[in-house]
């Protein structure tokens, strides 16, 4: 999981990463990251 997040962080800009981080807290994010 952490490797995937690192890859996304490197791929996205900082502004986009903030939106992704927020999405991870929603049900949509939980589909991709089993938390």
N, C-alpha and C. Protein backbone atom coordinates (compact mmCIF):
# COMPACT_ATOMS: atom_id res chain seq x y z
N UNK A 1 0.83 -1.20 0.00
CA UNK A 1 0.00 0.00 0.00
C UNK A 1 0.86 1.25 0.00
N UNK A 2 1.84 1.28 0.91
CA UNK A 2 2.65 2.50 1.02
C UNK A 2 3.42 2.76 -0.28
N UNK A 3 3.85 1.69 -0.96
CA UNK A 3 4.57 1.88 -2.23
C UNK A 3 3.64 2.50 -3.27
N UNK A 4 2.40 2.07 -3.28
CA UNK A 4 1.44 2.63 -4.24
C UNK A 4 1.20 4.10 -3.97
N UNK A 5 1.09 4.43 -2.69
CA UNK A 5 0.87 5.83 -2.33
C UNK A 5 2.08 6.67 -2.72
N UNK A 6 3.29 6.14 -2.50
CA UNK A 6 4.50 6.87 -2.89
C UNK A 6 4.51 7.11 -4.39
N UNK A 7 4.10 6.10 -5.16
CA UNK A 7 4.07 6.23 -6.61
C UNK A 7 3.09 7.32 -7.02
N UNK A 8 1.91 7.33 -6.38
CA UNK A 8 0.91 8.34 -6.72
C UNK A 8 1.42 9.72 -6.34
N UNK A 9 2.07 9.82 -5.18
CA UNK A 9 2.56 11.12 -4.72
C UNK A 9 3.60 11.67 -5.70
N UNK A 10 4.42 10.77 -6.24
CA UNK A 10 5.44 11.20 -7.19
C UNK A 10 4.80 11.59 -8.52
N UNK A 11 3.70 10.92 -8.86
CA UNK A 11 3.06 11.15 -10.15
C UNK A 11 2.23 12.44 -10.14
N UNK A 12 1.58 12.70 -9.03
CA UNK A 12 0.70 13.86 -8.96
C UNK A 12 1.42 15.08 -8.44
N UNK A 13 0.88 16.24 -8.79
CA UNK A 13 1.40 17.47 -8.21
C UNK A 13 0.91 17.58 -6.78
N UNK A 14 1.49 18.48 -6.01
CA UNK A 14 1.10 18.61 -4.61
C UNK A 14 -0.38 18.94 -4.47
N UNK A 15 -0.87 19.84 -5.30
CA UNK A 15 -2.27 20.23 -5.23
C UNK A 15 -3.19 19.07 -5.51
N UNK A 16 -2.83 18.25 -6.51
CA UNK A 16 -3.65 17.10 -6.84
C UNK A 16 -3.58 16.07 -5.73
N UNK A 17 -2.39 15.93 -5.12
CA UNK A 17 -2.24 14.93 -4.06
C UNK A 17 -3.19 15.21 -2.90
N UNK A 18 -3.39 16.50 -2.59
CA UNK A 18 -4.30 16.86 -1.50
C UNK A 18 -5.70 16.31 -1.80
N UNK A 19 -6.12 16.43 -3.07
CA UNK A 19 -7.44 15.93 -3.44
C UNK A 19 -7.49 14.41 -3.35
N UNK A 20 -6.42 13.75 -3.75
CA UNK A 20 -6.37 12.29 -3.68
C UNK A 20 -6.41 11.84 -2.22
N UNK A 21 -5.65 12.52 -1.39
CA UNK A 21 -5.60 12.15 0.03
C UNK A 21 -7.00 12.26 0.64
N UNK A 22 -7.73 13.31 0.25
CA UNK A 22 -9.10 13.48 0.76
C UNK A 22 -10.00 12.37 0.22
N UNK A 23 -9.80 12.00 -1.04
CA UNK A 23 -10.63 10.95 -1.65
C UNK A 23 -10.39 9.61 -0.98
N UNK A 24 -9.18 9.39 -0.49
CA UNK A 24 -8.88 8.12 0.16
C UNK A 24 -9.72 7.93 1.42
N UNK A 25 -10.22 9.03 1.97
CA UNK A 25 -11.02 8.94 3.19
C UNK A 25 -12.48 8.64 2.87
N UNK A 26 -12.83 8.64 1.58
CA UNK A 26 -14.20 8.36 1.18
C UNK A 26 -14.33 6.91 0.76
N UNK A 27 -15.53 6.47 0.48
CA UNK A 27 -15.77 5.10 0.04
C UNK A 27 -15.08 4.83 -1.29
N UNK A 28 -14.99 5.86 -2.13
CA UNK A 28 -14.32 5.70 -3.43
C UNK A 28 -12.86 5.33 -3.19
N UNK A 29 -12.22 6.03 -2.26
CA UNK A 29 -10.82 5.73 -1.96
C UNK A 29 -10.66 4.33 -1.39
N UNK A 30 -11.63 3.90 -0.59
CA UNK A 30 -11.54 2.59 0.04
C UNK A 30 -11.64 1.46 -0.99
N UNK A 31 -12.19 1.76 -2.16
CA UNK A 31 -12.23 0.74 -3.21
C UNK A 31 -10.82 0.42 -3.68
N UNK A 32 -9.97 1.45 -3.76
CA UNK A 32 -8.62 1.27 -4.27
C UNK A 32 -7.65 0.92 -3.15
N UNK A 33 -7.88 1.48 -1.98
CA UNK A 33 -7.01 1.23 -0.83
C UNK A 33 -7.86 0.63 0.28
N UNK A 34 -7.64 -0.63 0.56
CA UNK A 34 -8.45 -1.32 1.57
C UNK A 34 -8.02 -0.87 2.95
N UNK A 35 -8.74 0.12 3.48
CA UNK A 35 -8.40 0.65 4.80
C UNK A 35 -9.59 0.49 5.73
